[in-house]
N, C-alpha and C. Protein backbone atom coordinates (compact mmCIF):
# COMPACT_ATOMS: atom_id res chain seq x y z
N MET A 1 -5.84 124.33 46.15
CA MET A 1 -6.89 123.22 45.98
C MET A 1 -7.98 123.51 45.02
N LYS A 2 -8.01 122.62 44.10
CA LYS A 2 -8.95 122.74 42.88
C LYS A 2 -10.30 122.34 43.31
N ARG A 3 -11.29 123.29 43.08
CA ARG A 3 -12.81 123.08 43.32
C ARG A 3 -13.38 122.07 42.34
N ARG A 4 -14.24 121.23 42.84
CA ARG A 4 -14.87 120.18 42.08
C ARG A 4 -16.58 120.59 42.12
N GLY A 5 -17.03 120.00 41.18
CA GLY A 5 -18.60 120.32 41.06
C GLY A 5 -18.94 121.45 40.26
N ARG A 6 -20.29 121.77 40.38
CA ARG A 6 -20.64 122.81 39.58
C ARG A 6 -20.11 124.31 39.86
N PRO A 7 -19.63 124.98 38.89
CA PRO A 7 -19.20 126.26 39.06
C PRO A 7 -20.09 127.33 39.66
N ALA A 8 -19.70 128.34 40.37
CA ALA A 8 -20.59 129.37 41.03
C ALA A 8 -21.18 130.11 39.75
N GLY A 9 -22.41 130.53 39.91
CA GLY A 9 -22.84 131.55 38.85
C GLY A 9 -24.00 130.70 38.01
N LEU A 10 -24.34 131.37 37.06
CA LEU A 10 -25.54 130.65 36.10
C LEU A 10 -24.60 129.80 35.14
N THR A 11 -25.45 128.83 34.66
CA THR A 11 -24.90 127.79 33.72
C THR A 11 -25.70 128.25 32.33
N ILE A 12 -24.89 128.38 31.24
CA ILE A 12 -25.27 128.83 29.98
C ILE A 12 -25.75 127.56 29.32
N ASN A 13 -26.81 127.78 28.42
CA ASN A 13 -27.25 126.68 27.47
C ASN A 13 -26.53 126.89 26.21
N PRO A 14 -25.40 126.03 25.94
CA PRO A 14 -24.66 126.20 24.80
C PRO A 14 -25.29 126.13 23.48
N ASP A 15 -26.38 124.93 23.36
CA ASP A 15 -27.00 124.91 22.14
C ASP A 15 -27.87 126.20 21.91
N ALA A 16 -28.49 126.75 22.85
CA ALA A 16 -29.08 128.00 22.68
C ALA A 16 -28.34 129.21 21.85
N VAL A 17 -26.96 129.15 22.45
CA VAL A 17 -26.02 130.05 22.12
C VAL A 17 -25.70 129.81 20.75
N ALA A 18 -25.46 128.58 20.37
CA ALA A 18 -25.13 128.33 18.97
C ALA A 18 -26.29 128.60 18.10
N ASP A 19 -27.39 128.24 18.45
CA ASP A 19 -28.71 128.59 17.54
C ASP A 19 -28.78 130.07 17.29
N ALA A 20 -28.50 130.82 18.45
CA ALA A 20 -28.56 132.39 18.11
C ALA A 20 -27.40 132.86 17.50
N LEU A 21 -26.34 132.44 17.60
CA LEU A 21 -25.19 132.76 16.56
C LEU A 21 -25.52 132.37 15.05
N LYS A 22 -26.20 131.30 14.95
CA LYS A 22 -26.71 130.71 13.60
C LYS A 22 -27.75 131.83 13.05
N ASP A 23 -28.64 132.15 13.97
CA ASP A 23 -29.75 133.01 13.36
C ASP A 23 -29.16 134.51 13.15
N LEU A 24 -28.04 134.82 13.64
CA LEU A 24 -27.51 136.03 13.35
C LEU A 24 -26.56 136.16 12.07
N GLY A 25 -26.58 135.16 11.36
CA GLY A 25 -25.75 134.87 10.11
C GLY A 25 -24.36 134.33 10.46
N ASP A 26 -24.60 133.10 11.16
CA ASP A 26 -23.30 132.40 11.51
C ASP A 26 -22.32 133.02 12.02
N LYS A 27 -22.55 134.05 13.08
CA LYS A 27 -21.55 134.68 13.78
C LYS A 27 -20.81 133.89 14.66
N SER A 28 -19.58 134.10 15.05
CA SER A 28 -18.67 133.26 15.90
C SER A 28 -18.72 133.56 17.18
N GLN A 29 -18.21 132.64 17.94
CA GLN A 29 -17.99 132.73 19.27
C GLN A 29 -17.11 133.87 19.74
N ALA A 30 -16.15 134.09 18.85
CA ALA A 30 -15.13 135.15 19.10
C ALA A 30 -15.75 136.57 18.87
N TRP A 31 -16.84 136.72 18.06
CA TRP A 31 -17.55 137.72 17.75
C TRP A 31 -18.34 137.95 18.95
N LEU A 32 -19.07 137.08 19.66
CA LEU A 32 -19.87 137.14 20.73
C LEU A 32 -19.14 137.62 21.93
N ALA A 33 -17.93 136.96 22.18
CA ALA A 33 -16.97 137.36 23.39
C ALA A 33 -16.68 138.84 23.24
N ARG A 34 -16.23 139.33 22.03
CA ARG A 34 -15.87 140.73 21.91
C ARG A 34 -17.02 141.53 22.18
N GLY A 35 -18.27 141.26 21.69
CA GLY A 35 -19.38 141.97 22.12
C GLY A 35 -19.85 142.09 23.43
N ALA A 36 -19.67 140.98 24.02
CA ALA A 36 -19.91 140.85 25.51
C ALA A 36 -18.77 141.27 26.47
N GLY A 37 -17.66 141.72 25.79
CA GLY A 37 -16.65 142.11 26.72
C GLY A 37 -15.86 141.00 27.48
N LEU A 38 -15.64 139.98 26.58
CA LEU A 38 -15.10 138.72 27.39
C LEU A 38 -14.08 138.18 26.38
N SER A 39 -13.07 137.50 27.01
CA SER A 39 -12.01 136.94 26.04
C SER A 39 -12.69 135.70 25.39
N PRO A 40 -12.30 135.33 24.38
CA PRO A 40 -12.86 134.08 23.78
C PRO A 40 -12.63 132.96 24.54
N SER A 41 -11.51 132.71 25.21
CA SER A 41 -11.35 131.53 26.07
C SER A 41 -12.21 131.72 27.21
N HIS A 42 -12.52 132.70 27.93
CA HIS A 42 -13.38 132.70 29.01
C HIS A 42 -14.75 132.29 28.33
N LEU A 43 -15.16 132.77 27.37
CA LEU A 43 -16.48 132.35 26.76
C LEU A 43 -16.68 130.87 26.71
N ALA A 44 -15.60 130.31 25.93
CA ALA A 44 -15.48 128.85 25.70
C ALA A 44 -15.53 128.12 27.02
N GLU A 45 -15.11 128.62 28.02
CA GLU A 45 -15.03 127.91 29.43
C GLU A 45 -16.21 127.93 29.83
N MET A 46 -17.02 129.10 29.74
CA MET A 46 -18.56 129.16 30.26
C MET A 46 -19.39 128.34 29.40
N LEU A 47 -19.34 128.14 28.10
CA LEU A 47 -19.91 127.19 27.17
C LEU A 47 -19.87 125.82 27.41
N ALA A 48 -18.54 125.51 27.88
CA ALA A 48 -18.17 124.09 28.36
C ALA A 48 -18.60 123.72 29.73
N GLY A 49 -19.06 124.61 30.44
CA GLY A 49 -19.73 124.57 31.75
C GLY A 49 -18.58 124.43 32.94
N SER A 50 -17.38 124.76 32.68
CA SER A 50 -16.36 124.91 33.60
C SER A 50 -16.16 126.16 34.32
N LYS A 51 -16.94 127.04 33.89
CA LYS A 51 -17.25 128.54 34.42
C LYS A 51 -18.39 128.94 34.68
N GLY A 52 -18.88 129.61 35.61
CA GLY A 52 -20.31 130.08 35.91
C GLY A 52 -20.14 131.40 35.33
N VAL A 53 -21.52 131.88 35.21
CA VAL A 53 -21.70 133.19 34.55
C VAL A 53 -22.42 134.09 35.68
N THR A 54 -21.89 135.27 35.88
CA THR A 54 -22.68 136.38 36.69
C THR A 54 -23.98 136.86 36.08
N GLU A 55 -24.63 137.35 36.71
CA GLU A 55 -25.89 138.02 36.20
C GLU A 55 -25.71 139.08 35.28
N GLU A 56 -24.54 139.75 35.53
CA GLU A 56 -24.23 140.88 34.74
C GLU A 56 -23.73 140.52 33.33
N VAL A 57 -22.93 139.45 33.29
CA VAL A 57 -22.27 138.80 32.09
C VAL A 57 -23.56 138.19 31.34
N ALA A 58 -24.59 137.58 31.97
CA ALA A 58 -25.65 136.85 31.27
C ALA A 58 -26.44 138.07 30.64
N GLU A 59 -26.69 138.91 31.24
CA GLU A 59 -27.21 140.36 30.62
C GLU A 59 -26.45 140.74 29.27
N ARG A 60 -25.34 140.86 29.32
CA ARG A 60 -24.44 141.31 28.26
C ARG A 60 -24.56 140.34 26.98
N ILE A 61 -24.45 139.09 27.46
CA ILE A 61 -24.53 137.96 26.36
C ILE A 61 -25.87 137.94 25.76
N ALA A 62 -26.75 138.12 26.58
CA ALA A 62 -28.15 138.13 25.99
C ALA A 62 -28.35 139.41 25.17
N THR A 63 -27.92 140.55 25.47
CA THR A 63 -28.11 141.72 24.74
C THR A 63 -27.37 141.65 23.38
N VAL A 64 -26.20 141.07 23.18
CA VAL A 64 -25.56 140.75 22.07
C VAL A 64 -26.17 140.05 21.12
N LEU A 65 -26.69 138.84 21.78
CA LEU A 65 -27.39 137.94 20.87
C LEU A 65 -28.93 138.28 20.63
N ASP A 66 -29.27 139.31 21.28
CA ASP A 66 -30.84 139.86 21.04
C ASP A 66 -31.73 138.63 21.43
N LYS A 67 -31.35 138.10 22.50
CA LYS A 67 -32.31 137.14 23.20
C LYS A 67 -32.55 137.49 24.69
N ARG A 68 -33.60 136.72 25.07
CA ARG A 68 -34.05 136.99 26.51
C ARG A 68 -33.04 136.03 27.20
N VAL A 69 -32.79 136.62 28.44
CA VAL A 69 -31.56 136.07 29.35
C VAL A 69 -32.26 134.45 29.63
N GLY A 70 -33.74 134.32 29.94
CA GLY A 70 -33.98 133.02 30.21
C GLY A 70 -34.06 131.96 29.07
N THR A 71 -33.81 132.37 27.92
CA THR A 71 -33.58 131.47 26.67
C THR A 71 -32.25 130.87 26.90
N LEU A 72 -31.21 131.59 27.27
CA LEU A 72 -29.83 131.24 27.36
C LEU A 72 -29.39 130.68 28.73
N PHE A 73 -30.15 131.01 29.88
CA PHE A 73 -29.67 130.61 31.04
C PHE A 73 -31.03 130.13 31.81
N PRO A 74 -31.54 128.85 31.49
CA PRO A 74 -32.72 128.43 32.00
C PRO A 74 -32.93 128.34 33.41
N GLN A 75 -31.99 128.13 34.22
CA GLN A 75 -32.25 128.00 35.75
C GLN A 75 -32.39 129.33 36.27
N ARG A 76 -32.08 130.45 35.46
CA ARG A 76 -32.47 131.86 36.07
C ARG A 76 -33.88 131.97 36.10
N VAL A 77 -34.62 131.47 35.15
CA VAL A 77 -36.04 131.63 34.93
C VAL A 77 -36.76 130.63 35.98
N ALA A 78 -36.16 129.53 36.35
CA ALA A 78 -36.83 128.66 37.15
C ALA A 78 -36.71 129.26 38.58
N PHE A 79 -35.46 129.89 38.85
CA PHE A 79 -35.46 130.49 40.12
C PHE A 79 -36.30 131.66 40.33
N ARG A 80 -36.59 132.64 39.33
CA ARG A 80 -37.48 133.69 39.39
C ARG A 80 -38.91 133.29 39.45
N ILE A 81 -39.21 132.23 38.70
CA ILE A 81 -40.60 131.77 38.98
C ILE A 81 -40.82 131.35 40.26
N SER A 82 -40.06 130.58 40.87
CA SER A 82 -40.16 130.03 42.42
C SER A 82 -40.24 131.13 43.38
N VAL A 83 -39.46 132.17 43.01
CA VAL A 83 -39.68 133.36 44.13
C VAL A 83 -40.78 134.03 43.88
N ARG A 84 -41.50 134.22 42.69
CA ARG A 84 -42.58 134.96 42.38
C ARG A 84 -43.67 134.04 43.18
N GLU A 85 -43.80 132.78 43.03
CA GLU A 85 -44.85 131.89 43.73
C GLU A 85 -44.57 132.00 45.28
N PHE A 86 -43.49 132.10 45.61
CA PHE A 86 -43.34 132.14 47.25
C PHE A 86 -43.85 133.61 47.49
N THR A 87 -43.60 134.59 46.83
CA THR A 87 -43.93 136.02 47.25
C THR A 87 -45.43 135.89 47.16
N ALA A 88 -46.00 135.52 45.99
CA ALA A 88 -47.63 135.58 46.01
C ALA A 88 -48.42 134.82 47.01
N SER A 89 -47.60 133.66 47.70
CA SER A 89 -48.11 133.10 48.67
C SER A 89 -48.12 133.75 49.89
N SER A 90 -47.10 134.44 50.03
CA SER A 90 -46.92 135.19 51.29
C SER A 90 -47.74 136.37 51.49
N VAL A 91 -48.14 136.98 50.28
CA VAL A 91 -48.84 138.21 50.26
C VAL A 91 -50.28 137.84 50.34
N SER A 92 -50.76 136.46 49.73
CA SER A 92 -52.04 136.14 49.85
C SER A 92 -52.61 135.77 51.38
N ALA A 93 -51.46 135.14 52.18
CA ALA A 93 -51.62 134.67 53.47
C ALA A 93 -51.75 135.91 54.32
N ALA A 94 -51.33 137.04 54.02
CA ALA A 94 -51.20 138.25 55.04
C ALA A 94 -52.60 138.71 55.22
């Protein structure tokens, strides 16, 4: 049975990846895939939004591109911010 909807995991911002590759001297997606330990086809599926990205893979992609993870995976930052706010509120109330 084929799953529908958003894939599990983080969703990558393909425009941010394209900009980072350009900033590195017009590096290719294949170059990025090799550096992150992925197949080019798997990376292409992640960029198209049909495959989610694990935290570990997000870190590897960001490292290869010399970018912060939040630049490439914006919902991770939003999640972390909401966790910090929740934690700070519960600490203040105690």
